[in-house]
Amino acid sequence: MDIFIVGYENCCYYQRVCQKLPTATQITCDLPINRDKIRRKIVQCIHNRKLIDFAQLHFWSPQIICCTLKYAICIDGEDAFNKINNLGNYVHEQIIKYNN
């Protein structure tokens, strides 16, 4: 699974998520803050994967995208990320829900 964290380098929420996921690919957006910049970066990560929870995104910093070969699971910010106990299990559960 590939994990992407998209946000602003100077954002404390982005920095904390990056510390918790040190092997994730960190993608930063240039200032000034613009949600469309974050959306475009996310779309670049997703490619042709099936989207799970993309409609939940608010395009603020950070956004976490977990990609498998077929799916892109979107996590809307640090608060949503902090509610997840095991990221691998969460991704697996979201894919099952999507397919049911």
PDB file of N, CA and C in Angstrom:
ATOM      1  N   MET A   1       0.848  -1.170   0.000  1.00  0.00           N
ATOM      2  CA  MET A   1       0.000   0.000   0.000  1.00  0.00           C
ATOM      3  C   MET A   1       0.894   1.235   0.000  1.00  0.00           C
ATOM      4  N   ASP A   2       0.539   2.187  -0.841  1.00  0.00           N
ATOM      5  CA  ASP A   2       1.229   3.469  -0.881  1.00  0.00           C
ATOM      6  C   ASP A   2       0.393   4.492  -0.122  1.00  0.00           C
ATOM      7  N   ILE A   3       1.060   5.278   0.705  1.00  0.00           N
ATOM      8  CA  ILE A   3       0.366   6.295   1.488  1.00  0.00           C
ATOM      9  C   ILE A   3       0.912   7.658   1.092  1.00  0.00           C
ATOM     10  N   PHE A   4       0.007   8.573   0.815  1.00  0.00           N
ATOM     11  CA  PHE A   4       0.362   9.944   0.455  1.00  0.00           C
ATOM     12  C   PHE A   4      -0.242  10.884   1.489  1.00  0.00           C
ATOM     13  N   ILE A   5       0.543  11.846   1.925  1.00  0.00           N
ATOM     14  CA  ILE A   5       0.044  12.896   2.810  1.00  0.00           C
ATOM     15  C   ILE A   5       0.193  14.205   2.043  1.00  0.00           C
ATOM     16  N   VAL A   6      -0.929  14.869   1.817  1.00  0.00           N
ATOM     17  CA  VAL A   6      -0.940  16.097   1.035  1.00  0.00           C
ATOM     18  C   VAL A   6      -1.279  17.257   1.961  1.00  0.00           C
ATOM     19  N   GLY A   7      -0.475  18.312   1.908  1.00  0.00           N
ATOM     20  CA  GLY A   7      -0.753  19.473   2.743  1.00  0.00           C
ATOM     21  C   GLY A   7       0.299  20.545   2.589  1.00  0.00           C
ATOM     22  N   TYR A   8       0.293  21.457   3.547  1.00  0.00           N
ATOM     23  CA  TYR A   8       1.230  22.578   3.557  1.00  0.00           C
ATOM     24  C   TYR A   8       2.351  22.290   4.542  1.00  0.00           C
ATOM     25  N   GLU A   9       3.589  22.467   4.098  1.00  0.00           N
ATOM     26  CA  GLU A   9       4.760  22.113   4.883  1.00  0.00           C
ATOM     27  C   GLU A   9       4.771  22.776   6.269  1.00  0.00           C
ATOM     28  N   ASN A  10       4.285  23.996   6.367  1.00  0.00           N
ATOM     29  CA  ASN A  10       4.326  24.715   7.646  1.00  0.00           C
ATOM     30  C   ASN A  10       3.084  24.468   8.509  1.00  0.00           C
ATOM     31  N   CYS A  11       2.186  23.598   8.079  1.00  0.00           N
ATOM     32  CA  CYS A  11       0.955  23.290   8.814  1.00  0.00           C
ATOM     33  C   CYS A  11       1.278  22.284   9.933  1.00  0.00           C
ATOM     34  N   CYS A  12       0.953  22.641  11.173  1.00  0.00           N
ATOM     35  CA  CYS A  12       1.270  21.752  12.298  1.00  0.00           C
ATOM     36  C   CYS A  12       0.521  20.425  12.200  1.00  0.00           C
ATOM     37  N   TYR A  13      -0.685  20.423  11.650  1.00  0.00           N
ATOM     38  CA  TYR A  13      -1.455  19.176  11.490  1.00  0.00           C
ATOM     39  C   TYR A  13      -0.770  18.258  10.475  1.00  0.00           C
ATOM     40  N   TYR A  14      -0.318  18.841   9.374  1.00  0.00           N
ATOM     41  CA  TYR A  14       0.422  18.101   8.348  1.00  0.00           C
ATOM     42  C   TYR A  14       1.693  17.507   8.958  1.00  0.00           C
ATOM     43  N   GLN A  15       2.426  18.309   9.707  1.00  0.00           N
ATOM     44  CA  GLN A  15       3.689  17.863  10.309  1.00  0.00           C
ATOM     45  C   GLN A  15       3.466  16.698  11.272  1.00  0.00           C
ATOM     46  N   ARG A  16       2.404  16.757  12.071  1.00  0.00           N
ATOM     47  CA  ARG A  16       2.139  15.678  13.035  1.00  0.00           C
ATOM     48  C   ARG A  16       1.788  14.371  12.332  1.00  0.00           C
ATOM     49  N   VAL A  17       0.971  14.448  11.282  1.00  0.00           N
ATOM     50  CA  VAL A  17       0.627  13.230  10.543  1.00  0.00           C
ATOM     51  C   VAL A  17       1.878  12.667   9.866  1.00  0.00           C
ATOM     52  N   CYS A  18       2.717  13.527   9.329  1.00  0.00           N
ATOM     53  CA  CYS A  18       3.961  13.066   8.705  1.00  0.00           C
ATOM     54  C   CYS A  18       4.852  12.347   9.720  1.00  0.00           C
ATOM     55  N   GLN A  19       4.888  12.842  10.950  1.00  0.00           N
ATOM     56  CA  GLN A  19       5.680  12.186  11.995  1.00  0.00           C
ATOM     57  C   GLN A  19       5.114  10.813  12.334  1.00  0.00           C
ATOM     58  N   LYS A  20       3.792  10.678  12.307  1.00  0.00           N
ATOM     59  CA  LYS A  20       3.156   9.401  12.627  1.00  0.00           C
ATOM     60  C   LYS A  20       3.270   8.394  11.489  1.00  0.00           C
ATOM     61  N   LEU A  21       3.462   8.881  10.273  1.00  0.00           N
ATOM     62  CA  LEU A  21       3.598   8.010   9.096  1.00  0.00           C
ATOM     63  C   LEU A  21       4.913   8.340   8.375  1.00  0.00           C
ATOM     64  N   PRO A  22       6.046   8.015   8.984  1.00  0.00           N
ATOM     65  CA  PRO A  22       7.333   8.440   8.421  1.00  0.00           C
ATOM     66  C   PRO A  22       7.672   7.833   7.059  1.00  0.00           C
ATOM     67  N   THR A  23       7.044   6.732   6.686  1.00  0.00           N
ATOM     68  CA  THR A  23       7.352   6.115   5.388  1.00  0.00           C
ATOM     69  C   THR A  23       6.408   6.594   4.281  1.00  0.00           C
ATOM     70  N   ALA A  24       5.439   7.417   4.619  1.00  0.00           N
ATOM     71  CA  ALA A  24       4.494   7.926   3.617  1.00  0.00           C
ATOM     72  C   ALA A  24       5.184   8.938   2.705  1.00  0.00           C
ATOM     73  N   THR A  25       4.664   9.045   1.500  1.00  0.00           N
ATOM     74  CA  THR A  25       5.138  10.067   0.579  1.00  0.00           C
ATOM     75  C   THR A  25       4.504  11.393   0.969  1.00  0.00           C
ATOM     76  N   GLN A  26       5.344  12.375   1.234  1.00  0.00           N
ATOM     77  CA  GLN A  26       4.868  13.691   1.650  1.00  0.00           C
ATOM     78  C   GLN A  26       4.800  14.607   0.434  1.00  0.00           C
ATOM     79  N   ILE A  27       3.624  15.149   0.200  1.00  0.00           N
ATOM     80  CA  ILE A  27       3.410  16.040  -0.944  1.00  0.00           C
ATOM     81  C   ILE A  27       2.970  17.388  -0.399  1.00  0.00           C
ATOM     82  N   THR A  28       3.764  18.403  -0.681  1.00  0.00           N
ATOM     83  CA  THR A  28       3.434  19.726  -0.169  1.00  0.00           C
ATOM     84  C   THR A  28       2.894  20.623  -1.273  1.00  0.00           C
ATOM     85  N   CYS A  29       2.044  21.536  -0.855  1.00  0.00           N
ATOM     86  CA  CYS A  29       1.481  22.546  -1.745  1.00  0.00           C
ATOM     87  C   CYS A  29       2.110  23.885  -1.406  1.00  0.00           C
ATOM     88  N   ASP A  30       2.266  24.714  -2.409  1.00  0.00           N
ATOM     89  CA  ASP A  30       2.814  26.047  -2.206  1.00  0.00           C
ATOM     90  C   ASP A  30       1.757  26.971  -1.614  1.00  0.00           C
ATOM     91  N   LEU A  31       2.225  27.907  -0.823  1.00  0.00           N
ATOM     92  CA  LEU A  31       1.343  28.954  -0.317  1.00  0.00           C
ATOM     93  C   LEU A  31       1.075  29.941  -1.440  1.00  0.00           C
ATOM     94  N   PRO A  32       0.009  30.675  -1.446  1.00  0.00           N
ATOM     95  CA  PRO A  32      -0.986  30.818  -0.390  1.00  0.00           C
ATOM     96  C   PRO A  32      -1.926  29.613  -0.343  1.00  0.00           C
ATOM     97  N   ILE A  33      -2.618  29.473   0.785  1.00  0.00           N
ATOM     98  CA  ILE A  33      -3.533  28.358   0.997  1.00  0.00           C
ATOM     99  C   ILE A  33      -4.668  28.417  -0.019  1.00  0.00           C
ATOM    100  N   ASN A  34      -4.898  27.275  -0.655  1.00  0.00           N
ATOM    101  CA  ASN A  34      -5.919  27.180  -1.695  1.00  0.00           C
ATOM    102  C   ASN A  34      -6.355  25.721  -1.760  1.00  0.00           C
ATOM    103  N   ARG A  35      -7.614  25.450  -1.451  1.00  0.00           N
ATOM    104  CA  ARG A  35      -8.106  24.063  -1.428  1.00  0.00           C
ATOM    105  C   ARG A  35      -8.010  23.390  -2.787  1.00  0.00           C
ATOM    106  N   ASP A  36      -8.101  24.159  -3.853  1.00  0.00           N
ATOM    107  CA  ASP A  36      -8.016  23.570  -5.190  1.00  0.00           C
ATOM    108  C   ASP A  36      -6.619  22.999  -5.440  1.00  0.00           C
ATOM    109  N   LYS A  37      -5.592  23.619  -4.870  1.00  0.00           N
ATOM    110  CA  LYS A  37      -4.224  23.079  -5.007  1.00  0.00           C
ATOM    111  C   LYS A  37      -4.136  21.700  -4.371  1.00  0.00           C
ATOM    112  N   ILE A  38      -4.720  21.564  -3.185  1.00  0.00           N
ATOM    113  CA  ILE A  38      -4.701  20.262  -2.506  1.00  0.00           C
ATOM    114  C   ILE A  38      -5.497  19.248  -3.303  1.00  0.00           C
ATOM    115  N   ARG A  39      -6.657  19.636  -3.814  1.00  0.00           N
ATOM    116  CA  ARG A  39      -7.474  18.721  -4.615  1.00  0.00           C
ATOM    117  C   ARG A  39      -6.695  18.225  -5.828  1.00  0.00           C
ATOM    118  N   ARG A  40      -6.010  19.115  -6.523  1.00  0.00           N
ATOM    119  CA  ARG A  40      -5.236  18.720  -7.713  1.00  0.00           C
ATOM    120  C   ARG A  40      -4.125  17.734  -7.354  1.00  0.00           C
ATOM    121  N   LYS A  41      -3.445  17.969  -6.240  1.00  0.00           N
ATOM    122  CA  LYS A  41      -2.377  17.049  -5.800  1.00  0.00           C
ATOM    123  C   LYS A  41      -2.949  15.671  -5.467  1.00  0.00           C
ATOM    124  N   ILE A  42      -4.119  15.648  -4.839  1.00  0.00           N
ATOM    125  CA  ILE A  42      -4.761  14.374  -4.506  1.00  0.00           C
ATOM    126  C   ILE A  42      -5.123  13.619  -5.773  1.00  0.00           C
ATOM    127  N   VAL A  43      -5.693  14.310  -6.736  1.00  0.00           N
ATOM    128  CA  VAL A  43      -6.085  13.677  -7.999  1.00  0.00           C
ATOM    129  C   VAL A  43      -4.863  13.070  -8.687  1.00  0.00           C
ATOM    130  N   GLN A  44      -3.714  13.721  -8.592  1.00  0.00           N
ATOM    131  CA  GLN A  44      -2.486  13.180  -9.177  1.00  0.00           C
ATOM    132  C   GLN A  44      -2.087  11.858  -8.506  1.00  0.00           C
ATOM    133  N   CYS A  45      -2.323  11.730  -7.216  1.00  0.00           N
ATOM    134  CA  CYS A  45      -1.978  10.497  -6.478  1.00  0.00           C
ATOM    135  C   CYS A  45      -2.904   9.348  -6.847  1.00  0.00           C
ATOM    136  N   ILE A  46      -4.138   9.662  -7.110  1.00  0.00           N
ATOM    137  CA  ILE A  46      -5.183   8.649  -7.275  1.00  0.00           C
ATOM    138  C   ILE A  46      -5.080   7.897  -8.597  1.00  0.00           C
ATOM    139  N   HIS A  47      -4.715   8.562  -9.643  1.00  0.00           N
ATOM    140  CA  HIS A  47      -4.661   7.982 -10.988  1.00  0.00           C
ATOM    141  C   HIS A  47      -6.027   7.398 -11.363  1.00  0.00           C
ATOM    142  N   ASN A  48      -6.060   6.121 -11.732  1.00  0.00           N
ATOM    143  CA  ASN A  48      -7.311   5.486 -12.176  1.00  0.00           C
ATOM    144  C   ASN A  48      -7.926   4.582 -11.112  1.00  0.00           C
ATOM    145  N   ARG A  49      -7.551   4.765  -9.881  1.00  0.00           N
ATOM    146  CA  ARG A  49      -8.069   3.912  -8.817  1.00  0.00           C
ATOM    147  C   ARG A  49      -9.521   4.278  -8.494  1.00  0.00           C
ATOM    148  N   LYS A  50     -10.240   3.313  -7.944  1.00  0.00           N
ATOM    149  CA  LYS A  50     -11.604   3.560  -7.477  1.00  0.00           C
ATOM    150  C   LYS A  50     -11.522   4.345  -6.171  1.00  0.00           C
ATOM    151  N   LEU A  51     -12.319   5.388  -6.073  1.00  0.00           N
ATOM    152  CA  LEU A  51     -12.262   6.296  -4.930  1.00  0.00           C
ATOM    153  C   LEU A  51     -13.166   5.833  -3.798  1.00  0.00           C
ATOM    154  N   ILE A  52     -12.630   5.837  -2.599  1.00  0.00           N
ATOM    155  CA  ILE A  52     -13.403   5.533  -1.407  1.00  0.00           C
ATOM    156  C   ILE A  52     -13.295   6.742  -0.480  1.00  0.00           C
ATOM    157  N   ASP A  53     -14.431   7.311  -0.147  1.00  0.00           N
ATOM    158  CA  ASP A  53     -14.552   8.473   0.747  1.00  0.00           C
ATOM    159  C   ASP A  53     -13.986   9.764   0.178  1.00  0.00           C
ATOM    160  N   PHE A  54     -13.811   9.860  -1.127  1.00  0.00           N
ATOM    161  CA  PHE A  54     -13.348  11.105  -1.745  1.00  0.00           C
ATOM    162  C   PHE A  54     -14.343  12.230  -1.500  1.00  0.00           C
ATOM    163  N   ALA A  55     -15.628  11.906  -1.502  1.00  0.00           N
ATOM    164  CA  ALA A  55     -16.667  12.927  -1.293  1.00  0.00           C
ATOM    165  C   ALA A  55     -16.624  13.510   0.117  1.00  0.00           C
ATOM    166  N   GLN A  56     -15.953  12.816   1.045  1.00  0.00           N
ATOM    167  CA  GLN A  56     -15.849  13.292   2.425  1.00  0.00           C
ATOM    168  C   GLN A  56     -14.767  14.355   2.613  1.00  0.00           C
ATOM    169  N   LEU A  57     -13.882  14.496   1.636  1.00  0.00           N
ATOM    170  CA  LEU A  57     -12.735  15.390   1.790  1.00  0.00           C
ATOM    171  C   LEU A  57     -13.150  16.860   1.747  1.00  0.00           C
ATOM    172  N   HIS A  58     -12.498  17.635   2.605  1.00  0.00           N
ATOM    173  CA  HIS A  58     -12.702  19.085   2.631  1.00  0.00           C
ATOM    174  C   HIS A  58     -11.528  19.828   1.994  1.00  0.00           C
ATOM    175  N   PHE A  59     -10.508  19.096   1.572  1.00  0.00           N
ATOM    176  CA  PHE A  59      -9.327  19.638   0.888  1.00  0.00           C
ATOM    177  C   PHE A  59      -8.601  20.680   1.721  1.00  0.00           C
ATOM    178  N   TRP A  60      -8.423  20.352   3.010  1.00  0.00           N
ATOM    179  CA  TRP A  60      -7.579  21.173   3.865  1.00  0.00           C
ATOM    180  C   TRP A  60      -6.324  20.379   4.174  1.00  0.00           C
ATOM    181  N   SER A  61      -5.445  20.922   4.941  1.00  0.00           N
ATOM    182  CA  SER A  61      -4.166  20.285   5.241  1.00  0.00           C
ATOM    183  C   SER A  61      -4.230  19.614   6.609  1.00  0.00           C
ATOM    184  N   PRO A  62      -3.862  18.334   6.689  1.00  0.00           N
ATOM    185  CA  PRO A  62      -3.465  17.415   5.631  1.00  0.00           C
ATOM    186  C   PRO A  62      -4.628  16.542   5.164  1.00  0.00           C
ATOM    187  N   GLN A  63      -4.422  15.917   4.038  1.00  0.00           N
ATOM    188  CA  GLN A  63      -5.298  14.878   3.531  1.00  0.00           C
ATOM    189  C   GLN A  63      -4.433  13.631   3.370  1.00  0.00           C
ATOM    190  N   ILE A  64      -4.939  12.493   3.784  1.00  0.00           N
ATOM    191  CA  ILE A  64      -4.188  11.247   3.723  1.00  0.00           C
ATOM    192  C   ILE A  64      -4.870  10.332   2.707  1.00  0.00           C
ATOM    193  N   ILE A  65      -4.093   9.842   1.760  1.00  0.00           N
ATOM    194  CA  ILE A  65      -4.609   8.972   0.704  1.00  0.00           C
ATOM    195  C   ILE A  65      -3.843   7.652   0.768  1.00  0.00           C
ATOM    196  N   CYS A  66      -4.561   6.558   0.992  1.00  0.00           N
ATOM    197  CA  CYS A  66      -3.975   5.226   1.051  1.00  0.00           C
ATOM    198  C   CYS A  66      -4.347   4.500  -0.237  1.00  0.00           C
ATOM    199  N   CYS A  67      -3.348   4.124  -1.015  1.00  0.00           N
ATOM    200  CA  CYS A  67      -3.605   3.541  -2.334  1.00  0.00           C
ATOM    201  C   CYS A  67      -3.175   2.082  -2.399  1.00  0.00           C
ATOM    202  N   THR A  68      -4.105   1.254  -2.845  1.00  0.00           N
ATOM    203  CA  THR A  68      -3.789  -0.114  -3.213  1.00  0.00           C
ATOM    204  C   THR A  68      -3.753  -0.128  -4.741  1.00  0.00           C
ATOM    205  N   LEU A  69      -3.614  -1.297  -5.333  1.00  0.00           N
ATOM    206  CA  LEU A  69      -3.586  -1.342  -6.795  1.00  0.00           C
ATOM    207  C   LEU A  69      -4.880  -0.834  -7.428  1.00  0.00           C
ATOM    208  N   LYS A  70      -6.016  -1.122  -6.779  1.00  0.00           N
ATOM    209  CA  LYS A  70      -7.315  -0.785  -7.367  1.00  0.00           C
ATOM    210  C   LYS A  70      -8.049   0.368  -6.691  1.00  0.00           C
ATOM    211  N   TYR A  71      -7.675   0.686  -5.439  1.00  0.00           N
ATOM    212  CA  TYR A  71      -8.473   1.623  -4.646  1.00  0.00           C
ATOM    213  C   TYR A  71      -7.622   2.756  -4.071  1.00  0.00           C
ATOM    214  N   ALA A  72      -8.279   3.907  -3.884  1.00  0.00           N
ATOM    215  CA  ALA A  72      -7.686   5.033  -3.169  1.00  0.00           C
ATOM    216  C   ALA A  72      -8.633   5.383  -2.031  1.00  0.00           C
ATOM    217  N   ILE A  73      -8.166   5.139  -0.813  1.00  0.00           N
ATOM    218  CA  ILE A  73      -8.980   5.401   0.367  1.00  0.00           C
ATOM    219  C   ILE A  73      -8.558   6.759   0.915  1.00  0.00           C
ATOM    220  N   CYS A  74      -9.511   7.662   1.048  1.00  0.00           N
ATOM    221  CA  CYS A  74      -9.232   9.044   1.430  1.00  0.00           C
ATOM    222  C   CYS A  74      -9.585   9.275   2.895  1.00  0.00           C
ATOM    223  N   ILE A  75      -8.687   9.940   3.608  1.00  0.00           N
ATOM    224  CA  ILE A  75      -8.901  10.257   5.019  1.00  0.00           C
ATOM    225  C   ILE A  75      -8.819  11.773   5.157  1.00  0.00           C
ATOM    226  N   ASP A  76      -9.870  12.348   5.700  1.00  0.00           N
ATOM    227  CA  ASP A  76     -10.040  13.801   5.727  1.00  0.00           C
ATOM    228  C   ASP A  76      -9.406  14.448   6.958  1.00  0.00           C
ATOM    229  N   GLY A  77      -8.104  14.602   6.937  1.00  0.00           N
ATOM    230  CA  GLY A  77      -7.427  15.383   7.956  1.00  0.00           C
ATOM    231  C   GLY A  77      -6.933  14.619   9.159  1.00  0.00           C
ATOM    232  N   GLU A  78      -6.231  15.343  10.020  1.00  0.00           N
ATOM    233  CA  GLU A  78      -5.607  14.750  11.201  1.00  0.00           C
ATOM    234  C   GLU A  78      -6.634  14.185  12.174  1.00  0.00           C
ATOM    235  N   ASP A  79      -7.736  14.884  12.402  1.00  0.00           N
ATOM    236  CA  ASP A  79      -8.750  14.384  13.337  1.00  0.00           C
ATOM    237  C   ASP A  79      -9.287  13.027  12.909  1.00  0.00           C
ATOM    238  N   ALA A  80      -9.627  12.891  11.640  1.00  0.00           N
ATOM    239  CA  ALA A  80     -10.127  11.609  11.127  1.00  0.00           C
ATOM    240  C   ALA A  80      -9.039  10.542  11.221  1.00  0.00           C
ATOM    241  N   PHE A  81      -7.818  10.910  10.902  1.00  0.00           N
ATOM    242  CA  PHE A  81      -6.701   9.970  10.980  1.00  0.00           C
ATOM    243  C   PHE A  81      -6.492   9.476  12.411  1.00  0.00           C
ATOM    244  N   ASN A  82      -6.586  10.380  13.375  1.00  0.00           N
ATOM    245  CA  ASN A  82      -6.344  10.013  14.771  1.00  0.00           C
ATOM    246  C   ASN A  82      -7.395   9.051  15.322  1.00  0.00           C
ATOM    247  N   LYS A  83      -8.546   8.957  14.689  1.00  0.00           N
ATOM    248  CA  LYS A  83      -9.599   8.041  15.128  1.00  0.00           C
ATOM    249  C   LYS A  83      -9.355   6.608  14.640  1.00  0.00           C
ATOM    250  N   ILE A  84      -8.366   6.425  13.788  1.00  0.00           N
ATOM    251  CA  ILE A  84      -8.063   5.113  13.201  1.00  0.00           C
ATOM    252  C   ILE A  84      -7.005   4.422  14.056  1.00  0.00           C
ATOM    253  N   ASN A  85      -7.342   3.252  14.567  1.00  0.00           N
ATOM    254  CA  ASN A  85      -6.400   2.512  15.415  1.00  0.00           C
ATOM    255  C   ASN A  85      -5.342   1.772  14.608  1.00  0.00           C
ATOM    256  N   ASN A  86      -5.743   1.169  13.493  1.00  0.00           N
ATOM    257  CA  ASN A  86      -4.828   0.381  12.664  1.00  0.00           C
ATOM    258  C   ASN A  86      -5.121   0.718  11.215  1.00  0.00           C
ATOM    259  N   LEU A  87      -4.196   1.409  10.577  1.00  0.00           N
ATOM    260  CA  LEU A  87      -4.435   1.906   9.227  1.00  0.00           C
ATOM    261  C   LEU A  87      -4.657   0.782   8.222  1.00  0.00           C
ATOM    262  N   GLY A  88      -3.882  -0.284   8.313  1.00  0.00           N
ATOM    263  CA  GLY A  88      -4.049  -1.414   7.402  1.00  0.00           C
ATOM    264  C   GLY A  88      -5.425  -2.040   7.519  1.00  0.00           C
ATOM    265  N   ASN A  89      -5.878  -2.242   8.752  1.00  0.00           N
ATOM    266  CA  ASN A  89      -7.216  -2.796   8.968  1.00  0.00           C
ATOM    267  C   ASN A  89      -8.292  -1.846   8.466  1.00  0.00           C
ATOM    268  N   TYR A  90      -8.102  -0.560   8.723  1.00  0.00           N
ATOM    269  CA  TYR A  90      -9.073   0.446   8.278  1.00  0.00           C
ATOM    270  C   TYR A  90      -9.228   0.414   6.754  1.00  0.00           C
ATOM    271  N   VAL A  91      -8.113   0.387   6.041  1.00  0.00           N
ATOM    272  CA  VAL A  91      -8.145   0.343   4.575  1.00  0.00           C
ATOM    273  C   VAL A  91      -8.886  -0.903   4.116  1.00  0.00           C
ATOM    274  N   HIS A  92      -8.558  -2.040   4.704  1.00  0.00           N
ATOM    275  CA  HIS A  92      -9.210  -3.302   4.349  1.00  0.00           C
ATOM    276  C   HIS A  92     -10.728  -3.216   4.585  1.00  0.00           C
ATOM    277  N   GLU A  93     -11.130  -2.682   5.727  1.00  0.00           N
ATOM    278  CA  GLU A  93     -12.555  -2.548   6.057  1.00  0.00           C
ATOM    279  C   GLU A  93     -13.273  -1.608   5.083  1.00  0.00           C
ATOM    280  N   GLN A  94     -12.621  -0.526   4.718  1.00  0.00           N
ATOM    281  CA  GLN A  94     -13.243   0.426   3.786  1.00  0.00           C
ATOM    282  C   GLN A  94     -13.449  -0.211   2.407  1.00  0.00           C
ATOM    283  N   ILE A  95     -12.506  -1.018   1.973  1.00  0.00           N
ATOM    284  CA  ILE A  95     -12.638  -1.697   0.677  1.00  0.00           C
ATOM    285  C   ILE A  95     -13.800  -2.692   0.736  1.00  0.00           C
ATOM    286  N   ILE A  96     -13.908  -3.431   1.831  1.00  0.00           N
ATOM    287  CA  ILE A  96     -15.024  -4.376   1.976  1.00  0.00           C
ATOM    288  C   ILE A  96     -16.359  -3.634   1.943  1.00  0.00           C
ATOM    289  N   LYS A  97     -16.466  -2.539   2.693  1.00  0.00           N
ATOM    290  CA  LYS A  97     -17.710  -1.742   2.705  1.00  0.00           C
ATOM    291  C   LYS A  97     -18.048  -1.246   1.293  1.00  0.00           C
ATOM    292  N   TYR A  98     -17.032  -0.792   0.591  1.00  0.00           N
ATOM    293  CA  TYR A  98     -17.229  -0.260  -0.767  1.00  0.00           C
ATOM    294  C   TYR A  98     -17.785  -1.331  -1.692  1.00  0.00           C
ATOM    295  N   ASN A  99     -17.332  -2.550  -1.522  1.00  0.00           N
ATOM    296  CA  ASN A  99     -17.720  -3.636  -2.422  1.00  0.00           C
ATOM    297  C   ASN A  99     -19.025  -4.331  -2.022  1.00  0.00           C
ATOM    298  N   ASN A 100     -19.584  -3.962  -0.908  1.00  0.00           N
ATOM    299  CA  ASN A 100     -20.864  -4.563  -0.469  1.00  0.00           C
ATOM    300  C   ASN A 100     -22.048  -3.727  -0.863  1.00  0.00           C
TER     301      ASN A 100
END
